[in-house]
Amino acid sequence: MYRFLLTPRWFGINVFVLLAIPFCLFMGSWQLSRFEDRMTQSRDAEQSVVTDEREAPRPLAELLPVDKATSGKQVTATGRYDRQLLVPDRQLDDREGYYVLTLLRVDGGKALPVVRGWLPGTPDPAKVPAAPKGEVTVTGALQASETPGDNGVSAQGGLPAGQTAAISAASLINLVPYDVYDAWVTLNTGDSGMKAVPATAPADSGLDLKAFQNLGYTGEWFVFAGFVVFMWFRLVRREVEFIRDAELGILPDDDGQPSQEQPQEKATA
């Protein structure tokens, strides 16, 4: 009954099934491992934000450029505060508010963006404490430049004068007449009574959309493996039924429906 499985046509089908199933299982397992790696990275990144606060601060030059290894590290820099900007639409403790961003002129004039703190409500320059005068030394967590549209960073344009949507060198260089570091610092203690802005984990280290895409792909590959097995059994069953019908003399008619051959009656004289 099942000798048809050894025919050349079915040999090709069987080889395809034997290759497709382990391939789908391998790809599903690989996508699952990618999701698990991202979960581990997320836990490690959150833990590093806490442990980095206990480390001794290092000079800015030792931690640049900012990457996953240096993001969140404690940094210290000395200079003079210059231009001050407000960063709207920033939440803290489930409250809407804005960051107070002040550029610290260091290294002969190059500016380091420093988030001195957070204030609730809509941006209002009149409510913002003035930056300290003279030479200051700041200590805080080093952060990578933000990308508009990512991680809740607004991509809004046309903001009022004195505001910026993203804390990045690409955005700030258009607002000030001097070079800006491709990084920023959030103070460990809010300046002038403002609330300190917590450091965040490095980009691509949390459970973002890509992580859940890996989880979705995992399910798809395992479904594909099950579908291959289902279709193989379905084809085998159909072939067996066709052979049995042929043995019983039941042949399909022109429209594919089985029909029973009827013996012709002999004409009588």
Protein backbone atom coordinates (compact mmCIF):
# COMPACT_ATOMS: atom_id res chain seq x y z
CA MET A 1 0.00 0.00 0.00
CA TYR A 2 2.80 2.44 0.88
CA ARG A 3 5.27 1.40 -1.79
CA PHE A 4 4.48 4.64 -3.60
CA LEU A 5 6.67 6.39 -1.03
CA LEU A 6 9.68 4.88 -2.82
CA THR A 7 8.78 6.28 -6.23
CA PRO A 8 10.97 9.11 -7.62
CA ARG A 9 8.21 11.71 -7.16
CA TRP A 10 7.70 10.83 -3.51
CA PHE A 11 11.41 10.47 -2.93
CA GLY A 12 11.75 14.18 -3.77
CA ILE A 13 8.83 15.09 -1.48
CA ASN A 14 10.30 13.07 1.39
CA VAL A 15 13.73 14.64 1.01
CA PHE A 16 12.16 18.11 1.01
CA VAL A 17 10.21 17.32 4.21
CA LEU A 18 13.26 15.83 5.95
CA LEU A 19 15.25 18.96 5.16
CA ALA A 20 12.49 21.51 5.77
CA ILE A 21 11.52 20.36 9.28
CA PRO A 22 14.98 20.62 10.90
CA PHE A 23 15.61 23.88 9.04
CA CYS A 24 12.42 25.43 10.44
CA LEU A 25 13.21 24.14 13.94
CA PHE A 26 16.75 25.52 13.70
CA MET A 27 15.55 28.94 12.56
CA GLY A 28 12.89 29.02 15.28
CA SER A 29 15.44 28.11 17.94
CA TRP A 30 17.84 30.73 16.62
CA GLN A 31 15.18 33.46 16.75
CA LEU A 32 14.27 32.35 20.28
CA SER A 33 17.91 32.59 21.33
CA ARG A 34 18.04 36.12 19.89
CA PHE A 35 15.02 37.08 22.02
CA GLU A 36 16.61 35.54 25.11
CA ASP A 37 19.86 37.42 24.41
CA ARG A 38 17.95 40.70 24.23
CA MET A 39 16.24 39.90 27.54
CA THR A 40 19.65 39.27 29.10
CA GLN A 41 21.03 42.49 27.61
CA SER A 42 18.04 44.38 28.98
CA ARG A 43 18.59 43.03 32.50
CA ASP A 44 22.33 43.70 32.31
CA ALA A 45 21.77 47.23 30.98
CA GLU A 46 19.32 48.07 33.78
CA GLN A 47 21.71 46.65 36.33
CA SER A 48 24.64 48.56 34.87
CA VAL A 49 22.75 51.85 35.25
CA VAL A 50 22.59 51.16 38.99
CA THR A 51 26.16 49.93 39.40
CA ASP A 52 27.66 52.74 37.29
CA GLU A 53 26.37 55.29 39.81
CA ARG A 54 28.71 53.81 42.43
CA GLU A 55 31.81 54.08 40.25
CA ALA A 56 34.30 56.91 40.55
CA PRO A 57 33.77 59.52 37.81
CA ARG A 58 36.30 59.62 34.97
CA PRO A 59 37.37 62.52 32.74
CA LEU A 60 35.23 63.08 29.67
CA ALA A 61 38.05 62.37 27.21
CA GLU A 62 38.48 58.83 28.58
CA LEU A 63 34.88 57.84 27.81
CA LEU A 64 34.43 59.23 24.31
CA PRO A 65 33.06 58.25 21.88
CA VAL A 66 29.96 56.97 23.64
CA ASP A 67 29.07 53.32 23.03
CA LYS A 68 27.32 50.52 24.92
CA ALA A 69 30.37 50.09 27.15
CA THR A 70 30.64 53.75 28.19
CA SER A 71 26.99 54.84 28.14
CA GLY A 72 25.82 55.42 31.70
CA LYS A 73 29.34 55.68 33.10
CA GLN A 74 30.09 58.42 35.61
CA VAL A 75 31.92 61.33 34.03
CA THR A 76 33.29 64.64 35.24
CA ALA A 77 33.97 67.79 33.28
CA THR A 78 34.98 71.34 34.09
CA GLY A 79 33.99 74.48 32.23
CA ARG A 80 31.63 77.43 32.14
CA TYR A 81 27.91 77.30 31.47
CA ASP A 82 26.77 79.13 28.34
CA ARG A 83 23.56 78.82 26.30
CA GLN A 84 20.51 77.31 27.99
CA LEU A 85 17.75 75.41 26.17
CA LEU A 86 14.54 73.64 27.17
CA VAL A 87 13.61 70.14 25.98
CA PRO A 88 9.78 69.79 26.00
CA ASP A 89 7.56 66.69 26.25
CA ARG A 90 9.67 64.74 28.72
CA GLN A 91 8.05 62.55 31.37
CA LEU A 92 9.38 61.81 34.83
CA ASP A 93 7.51 59.83 37.49
CA ASP A 94 4.49 59.69 35.13
CA ARG A 95 4.32 63.49 35.00
CA GLU A 96 4.71 65.67 31.92
CA GLY A 97 7.46 68.25 31.96
CA TYR A 98 10.69 69.35 30.33
CA TYR A 99 14.45 69.09 30.69
CA VAL A 100 16.67 72.06 31.41
CA LEU A 101 19.66 71.68 29.10
CA THR A 102 22.69 73.94 29.50
CA LEU A 103 25.80 73.86 27.33
CA LEU A 104 29.05 73.62 29.28
CA ARG A 105 31.99 75.18 27.40
CA VAL A 106 35.01 72.94 27.91
CA ASP A 107 38.27 72.15 26.10
CA GLY A 108 38.88 75.59 24.73
CA GLY A 109 35.34 76.30 23.67
CA LYS A 110 33.72 72.98 22.64
CA ALA A 111 30.39 72.49 24.43
CA LEU A 112 29.12 69.53 26.42
CA PRO A 113 25.29 69.38 26.75
CA VAL A 114 24.37 69.02 30.42
CA VAL A 115 20.86 68.24 31.63
CA ARG A 116 20.75 70.11 34.92
CA GLY A 117 17.32 68.75 35.85
CA TRP A 118 13.61 68.36 35.10
CA LEU A 119 10.68 70.66 35.79
CA PRO A 120 6.95 69.88 35.55
CA GLY A 121 4.47 71.55 33.21
CA THR A 122 5.02 73.31 29.91
CA PRO A 123 8.39 74.92 29.13
CA ASP A 124 8.63 78.35 30.72
CA PRO A 125 12.00 80.15 30.70
CA ALA A 126 10.80 82.40 33.53
CA LYS A 127 10.56 79.38 35.89
CA VAL A 128 13.96 77.95 35.03
CA PRO A 129 16.73 78.57 37.59
CA ALA A 130 19.72 80.38 36.13
CA ALA A 131 22.89 78.39 35.60
CA PRO A 132 25.75 78.94 38.06
CA LYS A 133 28.27 81.60 37.07
CA GLY A 134 32.00 81.10 36.70
CA GLU A 135 33.90 77.85 36.37
CA VAL A 136 32.03 74.74 37.52
CA THR A 137 32.79 71.04 37.70
CA VAL A 138 29.87 68.74 36.87
CA THR A 139 29.48 65.04 37.65
CA GLY A 140 26.85 62.80 36.10
CA ALA A 141 26.02 59.91 33.80
CA LEU A 142 27.29 60.01 30.23
CA GLN A 143 24.60 59.46 27.61
CA ALA A 144 24.65 58.96 23.84
CA SER A 145 23.07 61.53 21.55
CA GLU A 146 19.36 61.02 21.03
CA THR A 147 17.77 60.18 17.70
CA PRO A 148 14.48 61.98 16.94
CA GLY A 149 11.62 59.50 16.69
CA ASP A 150 13.33 56.76 18.74
CA ASN A 151 12.64 55.76 22.37
CA GLY A 152 9.99 58.41 22.81
CA VAL A 153 12.19 61.26 21.60
CA SER A 154 10.04 63.80 19.78
CA ALA A 155 10.73 64.50 16.12
CA GLN A 156 8.67 67.68 16.24
CA GLY A 157 9.97 70.65 14.33
CA GLY A 158 9.21 74.35 14.44
CA LEU A 159 9.68 74.66 18.21
CA PRO A 160 9.83 78.11 19.81
CA ALA A 161 13.19 79.80 20.18
CA GLY A 162 15.18 78.40 23.08
CA GLN A 163 13.81 74.85 22.72
CA THR A 164 15.10 71.66 21.12
CA ALA A 165 13.29 68.35 20.62
CA ALA A 166 16.32 66.06 20.84
CA ILE A 167 19.58 66.20 22.76
CA SER A 168 22.03 65.55 19.97
CA ALA A 169 24.99 67.26 18.35
CA ALA A 170 23.17 67.25 15.01
CA SER A 171 20.30 69.28 16.49
CA LEU A 172 22.31 71.59 18.75
CA ILE A 173 24.95 72.52 16.18
CA ASN A 174 22.27 74.49 14.36
CA LEU A 175 21.42 76.48 17.50
CA VAL A 176 24.86 77.55 18.75
CA PRO A 177 27.91 78.99 16.96
CA TYR A 178 30.43 76.48 18.35
CA ASP A 179 31.12 72.74 18.20
CA VAL A 180 29.14 70.36 20.40
CA TYR A 181 30.18 66.97 21.75
CA ASP A 182 28.28 64.02 20.34
CA ALA A 183 27.17 63.08 23.87
CA TRP A 184 25.46 64.60 26.89
CA VAL A 185 25.50 64.33 30.66
CA THR A 186 22.64 64.13 33.15
CA LEU A 187 23.62 65.37 36.61
CA ASN A 188 23.39 62.94 39.50
CA THR A 189 21.78 65.65 41.62
CA GLY A 190 19.36 68.14 40.12
CA ASP A 191 20.73 71.68 40.04
CA SER A 192 18.94 74.51 41.91
CA GLY A 193 16.21 72.27 43.33
CA MET A 194 15.26 70.64 40.02
CA LYS A 195 14.68 66.86 39.86
CA ALA A 196 17.58 64.87 38.49
CA VAL A 197 16.94 63.02 35.23
CA PRO A 198 17.80 59.31 35.62
CA ALA A 199 20.31 57.79 33.25
CA THR A 200 18.88 55.42 30.65
CA ALA A 201 20.23 52.15 29.26
CA PRO A 202 22.17 52.25 25.99
CA ALA A 203 20.22 52.07 22.74
CA ASP A 204 19.40 48.59 21.34
CA SER A 205 19.85 46.98 24.76
CA GLY A 206 16.25 46.76 25.93
CA LEU A 207 13.07 44.88 25.06
CA ASP A 208 12.24 47.02 22.05
CA LEU A 209 10.23 46.20 18.93
CA LYS A 210 13.09 44.17 17.47
CA ALA A 211 13.08 41.86 20.48
CA PHE A 212 9.38 41.06 20.10
CA GLN A 213 9.88 40.64 16.36
CA ASN A 214 12.36 37.87 17.19
CA LEU A 215 9.73 36.27 19.41
CA GLY A 216 7.14 36.51 16.63
CA TYR A 217 9.53 34.96 14.09
CA THR A 218 10.13 32.12 16.55
CA GLY A 219 6.44 31.22 16.50
CA GLU A 220 6.27 31.53 12.70
CA TRP A 221 9.13 29.08 12.11
CA PHE A 222 7.65 26.50 14.48
CA VAL A 223 4.28 26.90 12.75
CA PHE A 224 5.99 26.34 9.39
CA ALA A 225 7.52 23.11 10.73
CA GLY A 226 4.10 21.90 11.87
CA PHE A 227 2.55 22.88 8.55
CA VAL A 228 5.13 20.83 6.62
CA VAL A 229 4.33 17.75 8.72
CA PHE A 230 0.58 18.33 8.31
CA MET A 231 0.82 18.67 4.52
CA TRP A 232 2.99 15.53 4.23
CA PHE A 233 0.43 13.40 6.10
CA ARG A 234 -2.36 14.97 4.07
CA LEU A 235 -0.65 14.11 0.77
CA VAL A 236 0.09 10.55 1.94
CA ARG A 237 -3.52 10.04 3.00
CA ARG A 238 -4.78 11.38 -0.32
CA GLU A 239 -2.44 9.06 -2.24
CA VAL A 240 -3.57 6.05 -0.18
CA GLU A 241 -7.22 6.88 -0.81
CA PHE A 242 -6.57 7.18 -4.52
CA ILE A 243 -4.86 3.75 -4.61
CA ARG A 244 -7.73 2.13 -2.70
CA ASP A 245 -10.30 3.68 -5.03
CA ALA A 246 -8.35 2.43 -8.01
CA GLU A 247 -8.30 -1.10 -6.55
CA LEU A 248 -12.08 -0.92 -6.13
CA GLY A 249 -12.51 0.32 -9.69
CA ILE A 250 -13.59 3.78 -8.59
CA LEU A 251 -11.99 6.23 -10.97
CA PRO A 252 -12.34 10.01 -10.94
CA ASP A 253 -14.52 11.52 -13.68
CA ASP A 254 -13.67 14.61 -15.68
CA ASP A 255 -14.50 17.01 -12.85
CA GLY A 256 -12.34 15.10 -10.33
CA GLN A 257 -15.25 13.32 -8.57
CA PRO A 258 -14.99 9.55 -8.16
CA SER A 259 -17.36 7.50 -10.31
CA GLN A 260 -18.20 3.81 -10.32
CA GLU A 261 -17.79 2.12 -13.72
CA GLN A 262 -21.07 0.48 -14.73
CA PRO A 263 -20.96 -2.62 -16.97
CA GLN A 264 -22.74 -2.16 -20.29
CA GLU A 265 -25.77 -4.37 -20.91
CA LYS A 266 -25.49 -6.61 -23.88
CA ALA A 267 -27.95 -5.85 -26.62
CA THR A 268 -30.32 -8.62 -27.30
CA ALA A 269 -31.59 -9.45 -30.73
